[in-house]
Amino acid sequence: MIPIKEAVRVQGKAKNPDTSMEELTANDPASQNRQILEMHKQGKSNMVIARELGLGIGEVKLVIDLSNKHRKVR
C-alpha cells in the first residue's frame, strides 16, 4: 500500500508540463478573451466561436461588445 501523499507526489511527477500549461491557458479568462477576439477578427460568427471554444453565445457576445465599446472610448 502507498500512502496518499506519496501517490499524489508520484502522480504529479508523471504529468507532462506542456499539458499542464495548455490546461492553464485554456482556463485563463484573458487568454480565452483573446481567442474570442481573434476568431471574431477572422470573421467567425458568435455561434461558431461559442461552439469551438465550448462557451455560451452570451459570453462570446459580451466579450466582443465590451471590446468594441472599449475601442470607441479611446
PDB file of N, CA and C in Angstrom:
ATOM      1  N   MET A   1       0.827  -1.171   0.000  1.00  0.00           N
ATOM      2  CA  MET A   1       0.000   0.000   0.000  1.00  0.00           C
ATOM      3  C   MET A   1       0.883   1.251   0.000  1.00  0.00           C
ATOM      4  N   ILE A   2       0.470   2.257  -0.766  1.00  0.00           N
ATOM      5  CA  ILE A   2       1.207   3.512  -0.861  1.00  0.00           C
ATOM      6  C   ILE A   2       0.417   4.589  -0.130  1.00  0.00           C
ATOM      7  N   PRO A   3       1.076   5.362   0.732  1.00  0.00           N
ATOM      8  CA  PRO A   3       0.369   6.469   1.396  1.00  0.00           C
ATOM      9  C   PRO A   3      -0.158   7.466   0.355  1.00  0.00           C
ATOM     10  N   ILE A   4      -1.259   8.113   0.668  1.00  0.00           N
ATOM     11  CA  ILE A   4      -1.895   9.050  -0.265  1.00  0.00           C
ATOM     12  C   ILE A   4      -0.937  10.153  -0.690  1.00  0.00           C
ATOM     13  N   LYS A   5      -0.178  10.706   0.238  1.00  0.00           N
ATOM     14  CA  LYS A   5       0.761  11.778  -0.095  1.00  0.00           C
ATOM     15  C   LYS A   5       1.764  11.306  -1.137  1.00  0.00           C
ATOM     16  N   GLU A   6       2.245  10.089  -0.988  1.00  0.00           N
ATOM     17  CA  GLU A   6       3.221   9.541  -1.933  1.00  0.00           C
ATOM     18  C   GLU A   6       2.581   9.340  -3.302  1.00  0.00           C
ATOM     19  N   ALA A   7       1.364   8.831  -3.327  1.00  0.00           N
ATOM     20  CA  ALA A   7       0.662   8.594  -4.593  1.00  0.00           C
ATOM     21  C   ALA A   7       0.441   9.907  -5.332  1.00  0.00           C
ATOM     22  N   VAL A   8       0.062  10.948  -4.615  1.00  0.00           N
ATOM     23  CA  VAL A   8      -0.166  12.256  -5.236  1.00  0.00           C
ATOM     24  C   VAL A   8       1.142  12.817  -5.769  1.00  0.00           C
ATOM     25  N   ARG A   9       2.225  12.675  -4.991  1.00  0.00           N
ATOM     26  CA  ARG A   9       3.520  13.187  -5.425  1.00  0.00           C
ATOM     27  C   ARG A   9       3.983  12.467  -6.684  1.00  0.00           C
ATOM     28  N   VAL A  10       3.833  11.156  -6.729  1.00  0.00           N
ATOM     29  CA  VAL A  10       4.254  10.376  -7.889  1.00  0.00           C
ATOM     30  C   VAL A  10       3.396  10.730  -9.090  1.00  0.00           C
ATOM     31  N   GLN A  11       2.111  10.864  -8.873  1.00  0.00           N
ATOM     32  CA  GLN A  11       1.204  11.204  -9.957  1.00  0.00           C
ATOM     33  C   GLN A  11       1.547  12.583 -10.530  1.00  0.00           C
ATOM     34  N   GLY A  12       1.878  13.534  -9.681  1.00  0.00           N
ATOM     35  CA  GLY A  12       2.231  14.878 -10.131  1.00  0.00           C
ATOM     36  C   GLY A  12       3.479  14.892 -10.985  1.00  0.00           C
ATOM     37  N   LYS A  13       4.454  14.041 -10.670  1.00  0.00           N
ATOM     38  CA  LYS A  13       5.689  13.995 -11.455  1.00  0.00           C
ATOM     39  C   LYS A  13       5.462  13.391 -12.827  1.00  0.00           C
ATOM     40  N   ALA A  14       4.474  12.540 -12.953  1.00  0.00           N
ATOM     41  CA  ALA A  14       4.232  11.858 -14.220  1.00  0.00           C
ATOM     42  C   ALA A  14       3.566  12.770 -15.246  1.00  0.00           C
ATOM     43  N   LYS A  15       3.002  13.859 -14.798  1.00  0.00           N
ATOM     44  CA  LYS A  15       2.315  14.759 -15.733  1.00  0.00           C
ATOM     45  C   LYS A  15       3.292  15.444 -16.665  1.00  0.00           C
ATOM     46  N   ASN A  16       2.842  15.649 -17.873  1.00  0.00           N
ATOM     47  CA  ASN A  16       3.623  16.354 -18.873  1.00  0.00           C
ATOM     48  C   ASN A  16       3.473  17.856 -18.609  1.00  0.00           C
ATOM     49  N   PRO A  17       4.577  18.583 -18.399  1.00  0.00           N
ATOM     50  CA  PRO A  17       4.457  20.021 -18.099  1.00  0.00           C
ATOM     51  C   PRO A  17       3.794  20.812 -19.220  1.00  0.00           C
ATOM     52  N   ASP A  18       3.967  20.369 -20.462  1.00  0.00           N
ATOM     53  CA  ASP A  18       3.337  21.073 -21.584  1.00  0.00           C
ATOM     54  C   ASP A  18       1.821  20.969 -21.497  1.00  0.00           C
ATOM     55  N   THR A  19       1.324  19.789 -21.131  1.00  0.00           N
ATOM     56  CA  THR A  19      -0.114  19.598 -20.994  1.00  0.00           C
ATOM     57  C   THR A  19      -0.655  20.470 -19.880  1.00  0.00           C
ATOM     58  N   SER A  20       0.052  20.550 -18.772  1.00  0.00           N
ATOM     59  CA  SER A  20      -0.394  21.383 -17.662  1.00  0.00           C
ATOM     60  C   SER A  20      -0.484  22.841 -18.096  1.00  0.00           C
ATOM     61  N   MET A  21       0.466  23.291 -18.878  1.00  0.00           N
ATOM     62  CA  MET A  21       0.451  24.675 -19.362  1.00  0.00           C
ATOM     63  C   MET A  21      -0.726  24.909 -20.299  1.00  0.00           C
ATOM     64  N   GLU A  22      -1.044  23.923 -21.138  1.00  0.00           N
ATOM     65  CA  GLU A  22      -2.189  24.052 -22.037  1.00  0.00           C
ATOM     66  C   GLU A  22      -3.482  24.164 -21.240  1.00  0.00           C
ATOM     67  N   GLU A  23      -3.596  23.348 -20.181  1.00  0.00           N
ATOM     68  CA  GLU A  23      -4.783  23.415 -19.340  1.00  0.00           C
ATOM     69  C   GLU A  23      -4.888  24.771 -18.665  1.00  0.00           C
ATOM     70  N   LEU A  24      -3.784  25.305 -18.199  1.00  0.00           N
ATOM     71  CA  LEU A  24      -3.766  26.604 -17.543  1.00  0.00           C
ATOM     72  C   LEU A  24      -4.197  27.687 -18.522  1.00  0.00           C
ATOM     73  N   THR A  25      -3.685  27.642 -19.735  1.00  0.00           N
ATOM     74  CA  THR A  25      -4.034  28.627 -20.750  1.00  0.00           C
ATOM     75  C   THR A  25      -5.502  28.526 -21.128  1.00  0.00           C
ATOM     76  N   ALA A  26      -5.999  27.301 -21.230  1.00  0.00           N
ATOM     77  CA  ALA A  26      -7.394  27.115 -21.602  1.00  0.00           C
ATOM     78  C   ALA A  26      -8.330  27.647 -20.525  1.00  0.00           C
ATOM     79  N   ASN A  27      -7.914  27.618 -19.281  1.00  0.00           N
ATOM     80  CA  ASN A  27      -8.741  28.095 -18.185  1.00  0.00           C
ATOM     81  C   ASN A  27      -8.520  29.565 -17.868  1.00  0.00           C
ATOM     82  N   ASP A  28      -7.578  30.203 -18.518  1.00  0.00           N
ATOM     83  CA  ASP A  28      -7.252  31.600 -18.264  1.00  0.00           C
ATOM     84  C   ASP A  28      -8.240  32.496 -19.010  1.00  0.00           C
ATOM     85  N   PRO A  29      -9.059  33.268 -18.285  1.00  0.00           N
ATOM     86  CA  PRO A  29     -10.062  34.111 -18.953  1.00  0.00           C
ATOM     87  C   PRO A  29      -9.470  35.115 -19.931  1.00  0.00           C
ATOM     88  N   ALA A  30      -8.328  35.698 -19.626  1.00  0.00           N
ATOM     89  CA  ALA A  30      -7.730  36.681 -20.535  1.00  0.00           C
ATOM     90  C   ALA A  30      -7.332  36.009 -21.845  1.00  0.00           C
ATOM     91  N   SER A  31      -6.783  34.826 -21.759  1.00  0.00           N
ATOM     92  CA  SER A  31      -6.396  34.081 -22.951  1.00  0.00           C
ATOM     93  C   SER A  31      -7.634  33.715 -23.767  1.00  0.00           C
ATOM     94  N   GLN A  32      -8.689  33.333 -23.065  1.00  0.00           N
ATOM     95  CA  GLN A  32      -9.934  32.968 -23.727  1.00  0.00           C
ATOM     96  C   GLN A  32     -10.524  34.186 -24.444  1.00  0.00           C
ATOM     97  N   ASN A  33     -10.450  35.336 -23.810  1.00  0.00           N
ATOM     98  CA  ASN A  33     -10.953  36.562 -24.438  1.00  0.00           C
ATOM     99  C   ASN A  33     -10.165  36.887 -25.697  1.00  0.00           C
ATOM    100  N   ARG A  34      -8.844  36.707 -25.642  1.00  0.00           N
ATOM    101  CA  ARG A  34      -8.019  36.947 -26.834  1.00  0.00           C
ATOM    102  C   ARG A  34      -8.409  36.002 -27.960  1.00  0.00           C
ATOM    103  N   GLN A  35      -8.691  34.745 -27.616  1.00  0.00           N
ATOM    104  CA  GLN A  35      -9.113  33.779 -28.624  1.00  0.00           C
ATOM    105  C   GLN A  35     -10.429  34.204 -29.261  1.00  0.00           C
ATOM    106  N   ILE A  36     -11.365  34.641 -28.439  1.00  0.00           N
ATOM    107  CA  ILE A  36     -12.666  35.093 -28.943  1.00  0.00           C
ATOM    108  C   ILE A  36     -12.468  36.254 -29.909  1.00  0.00           C
ATOM    109  N   LEU A  37     -11.674  37.243 -29.505  1.00  0.00           N
ATOM    110  CA  LEU A  37     -11.483  38.425 -30.348  1.00  0.00           C
ATOM    111  C   LEU A  37     -10.740  38.085 -31.641  1.00  0.00           C
ATOM    112  N   GLU A  38      -9.778  37.187 -31.559  1.00  0.00           N
ATOM    113  CA  GLU A  38      -9.036  36.782 -32.756  1.00  0.00           C
ATOM    114  C   GLU A  38      -9.967  36.068 -33.743  1.00  0.00           C
ATOM    115  N   MET A  39     -10.799  35.184 -33.238  1.00  0.00           N
ATOM    116  CA  MET A  39     -11.737  34.458 -34.097  1.00  0.00           C
ATOM    117  C   MET A  39     -12.763  35.418 -34.700  1.00  0.00           C
ATOM    118  N   HIS A  40     -13.164  36.422 -33.907  1.00  0.00           N
ATOM    119  CA  HIS A  40     -14.102  37.439 -34.404  1.00  0.00           C
ATOM    120  C   HIS A  40     -13.459  38.233 -35.544  1.00  0.00           C
ATOM    121  N   LYS A  41     -12.185  38.593 -35.390  1.00  0.00           N
ATOM    122  CA  LYS A  41     -11.464  39.315 -36.445  1.00  0.00           C
ATOM    123  C   LYS A  41     -11.368  38.485 -37.720  1.00  0.00           C
ATOM    124  N   GLN A  42     -11.331  37.150 -37.556  1.00  0.00           N
ATOM    125  CA  GLN A  42     -11.262  36.248 -38.709  1.00  0.00           C
ATOM    126  C   GLN A  42     -12.606  36.133 -39.414  1.00  0.00           C
ATOM    127  N   GLY A  43     -13.639  36.749 -38.824  1.00  0.00           N
ATOM    128  CA  GLY A  43     -14.950  36.755 -39.452  1.00  0.00           C
ATOM    129  C   GLY A  43     -15.877  35.640 -39.004  1.00  0.00           C
ATOM    130  N   LYS A  44     -15.504  34.914 -37.970  1.00  0.00           N
ATOM    131  CA  LYS A  44     -16.359  33.830 -37.478  1.00  0.00           C
ATOM    132  C   LYS A  44     -17.522  34.413 -36.691  1.00  0.00           C
ATOM    133  N   SER A  45     -18.669  33.769 -36.803  1.00  0.00           N
ATOM    134  CA  SER A  45     -19.861  34.242 -36.090  1.00  0.00           C
ATOM    135  C   SER A  45     -19.765  33.904 -34.607  1.00  0.00           C
ATOM    136  N   ASN A  46     -20.582  34.596 -33.826  1.00  0.00           N
ATOM    137  CA  ASN A  46     -20.600  34.346 -32.383  1.00  0.00           C
ATOM    138  C   ASN A  46     -20.942  32.887 -32.090  1.00  0.00           C
ATOM    139  N   MET A  47     -21.855  32.329 -32.857  1.00  0.00           N
ATOM    140  CA  MET A  47     -22.275  30.955 -32.644  1.00  0.00           C
ATOM    141  C   MET A  47     -21.127  29.973 -32.904  1.00  0.00           C
ATOM    142  N   VAL A  48     -20.382  30.198 -33.964  1.00  0.00           N
ATOM    143  CA  VAL A  48     -19.251  29.321 -34.300  1.00  0.00           C
ATOM    144  C   VAL A  48     -18.160  29.436 -33.237  1.00  0.00           C
ATOM    145  N   ILE A  49     -17.879  30.655 -32.809  1.00  0.00           N
ATOM    146  CA  ILE A  49     -16.865  30.878 -31.771  1.00  0.00           C
ATOM    147  C   ILE A  49     -17.268  30.153 -30.493  1.00  0.00           C
ATOM    148  N   ALA A  50     -18.517  30.313 -30.090  1.00  0.00           N
ATOM    149  CA  ALA A  50     -19.005  29.678 -28.864  1.00  0.00           C
ATOM    150  C   ALA A  50     -18.890  28.160 -28.965  1.00  0.00           C
ATOM    151  N   ARG A  51     -19.259  27.612 -30.103  1.00  0.00           N
ATOM    152  CA  ARG A  51     -19.211  26.165 -30.274  1.00  0.00           C
ATOM    153  C   ARG A  51     -17.777  25.647 -30.227  1.00  0.00           C
ATOM    154  N   GLU A  52     -16.877  26.325 -30.921  1.00  0.00           N
ATOM    155  CA  GLU A  52     -15.480  25.860 -30.982  1.00  0.00           C
ATOM    156  C   GLU A  52     -14.768  25.978 -29.637  1.00  0.00           C
ATOM    157  N   LEU A  53     -15.113  26.989 -28.850  1.00  0.00           N
ATOM    158  CA  LEU A  53     -14.449  27.189 -27.557  1.00  0.00           C
ATOM    159  C   LEU A  53     -15.220  26.583 -26.390  1.00  0.00           C
ATOM    160  N   GLY A  54     -16.406  26.059 -26.674  1.00  0.00           N
ATOM    161  CA  GLY A  54     -17.199  25.456 -25.610  1.00  0.00           C
ATOM    162  C   GLY A  54     -17.751  26.477 -24.636  1.00  0.00           C
ATOM    163  N   LEU A  55     -18.145  27.635 -25.153  1.00  0.00           N
ATOM    164  CA  LEU A  55     -18.675  28.720 -24.326  1.00  0.00           C
ATOM    165  C   LEU A  55     -20.123  29.003 -24.704  1.00  0.00           C
ATOM    166  N   GLY A  56     -20.770  29.809 -23.880  1.00  0.00           N
ATOM    167  CA  GLY A  56     -22.111  30.253 -24.214  1.00  0.00           C
ATOM    168  C   GLY A  56     -22.053  31.416 -25.201  1.00  0.00           C
ATOM    169  N   ILE A  57     -23.085  31.523 -26.019  1.00  0.00           N
ATOM    170  CA  ILE A  57     -23.132  32.599 -27.015  1.00  0.00           C
ATOM    171  C   ILE A  57     -23.138  33.958 -26.325  1.00  0.00           C
ATOM    172  N   GLY A  58     -23.832  34.060 -25.198  1.00  0.00           N
ATOM    173  CA  GLY A  58     -23.893  35.320 -24.458  1.00  0.00           C
ATOM    174  C   GLY A  58     -22.525  35.773 -23.981  1.00  0.00           C
ATOM    175  N   GLU A  59     -21.703  34.820 -23.544  1.00  0.00           N
ATOM    176  CA  GLU A  59     -20.354  35.167 -23.084  1.00  0.00           C
ATOM    177  C   GLU A  59     -19.504  35.684 -24.239  1.00  0.00           C
ATOM    178  N   VAL A  60     -19.621  35.024 -25.387  1.00  0.00           N
ATOM    179  CA  VAL A  60     -18.867  35.459 -26.573  1.00  0.00           C
ATOM    180  C   VAL A  60     -19.309  36.853 -26.981  1.00  0.00           C
ATOM    181  N   LYS A  61     -20.628  37.077 -27.029  1.00  0.00           N
ATOM    182  CA  LYS A  61     -21.160  38.387 -27.421  1.00  0.00           C
ATOM    183  C   LYS A  61     -20.705  39.475 -26.444  1.00  0.00           C
ATOM    184  N   LEU A  62     -20.715  39.161 -25.155  1.00  0.00           N
ATOM    185  CA  LEU A  62     -20.293  40.131 -24.145  1.00  0.00           C
ATOM    186  C   LEU A  62     -18.845  40.559 -24.348  1.00  0.00           C
ATOM    187  N   VAL A  63     -17.956  39.597 -24.571  1.00  0.00           N
ATOM    188  CA  VAL A  63     -16.534  39.903 -24.770  1.00  0.00           C
ATOM    189  C   VAL A  63     -16.354  40.790 -26.002  1.00  0.00           C
ATOM    190  N   ILE A  64     -17.036  40.450 -27.081  1.00  0.00           N
ATOM    191  CA  ILE A  64     -16.907  41.235 -28.319  1.00  0.00           C
ATOM    192  C   ILE A  64     -17.486  42.640 -28.134  1.00  0.00           C
ATOM    193  N   ASP A  65     -18.667  42.727 -27.512  1.00  0.00           N
ATOM    194  CA  ASP A  65     -19.289  44.034 -27.291  1.00  0.00           C
ATOM    195  C   ASP A  65     -18.442  44.925 -26.386  1.00  0.00           C
ATOM    196  N   LEU A  66     -17.894  44.350 -25.318  1.00  0.00           N
ATOM    197  CA  LEU A  66     -17.046  45.143 -24.422  1.00  0.00           C
ATOM    198  C   LEU A  66     -15.774  45.602 -25.121  1.00  0.00           C
ATOM    199  N   SER A  67     -15.226  44.756 -25.969  1.00  0.00           N
ATOM    200  CA  SER A  67     -14.027  45.136 -26.715  1.00  0.00           C
ATOM    201  C   SER A  67     -14.332  46.286 -27.668  1.00  0.00           C
ATOM    202  N   ASN A  68     -15.468  46.207 -28.345  1.00  0.00           N
ATOM    203  CA  ASN A  68     -15.853  47.274 -29.278  1.00  0.00           C
ATOM    204  C   ASN A  68     -16.138  48.573 -28.540  1.00  0.00           C
ATOM    205  N   LYS A  69     -16.770  48.476 -27.375  1.00  0.00           N
ATOM    206  CA  LYS A  69     -17.063  49.662 -26.569  1.00  0.00           C
ATOM    207  C   LYS A  69     -15.767  50.316 -26.092  1.00  0.00           C
ATOM    208  N   HIS A  70     -14.810  49.479 -25.689  1.00  0.00           N
ATOM    209  CA  HIS A  70     -13.514  49.970 -25.212  1.00  0.00           C
ATOM    210  C   HIS A  70     -12.787  50.721 -26.336  1.00  0.00           C
ATOM    211  N   ARG A  71     -12.891  50.229 -27.540  1.00  0.00           N
ATOM    212  CA  ARG A  71     -12.219  50.881 -28.683  1.00  0.00           C
ATOM    213  C   ARG A  71     -12.844  52.235 -28.992  1.00  0.00           C
ATOM    214  N   LYS A  72     -14.184  52.354 -28.839  1.00  0.00           N
ATOM    215  CA  LYS A  72     -14.871  53.612 -29.137  1.00  0.00           C
ATOM    216  C   LYS A  72     -14.510  54.690 -28.131  1.00  0.00           C
ATOM    217  N   VAL A  73     -14.295  54.303 -26.884  1.00  0.00           N
ATOM    218  CA  VAL A  73     -13.979  55.260 -25.818  1.00  0.00           C
ATOM    219  C   VAL A  73     -12.604  55.872 -26.052  1.00  0.00           C
ATOM    220  N   ARG A  74     -11.679  55.107 -26.527  1.00  0.00           N
ATOM    221  CA  ARG A  74     -10.308  55.600 -26.746  1.00  0.00           C
ATOM    222  C   ARG A  74     -10.297  56.557 -27.827  1.00  0.00           C
TER     223      ARG A  74
END
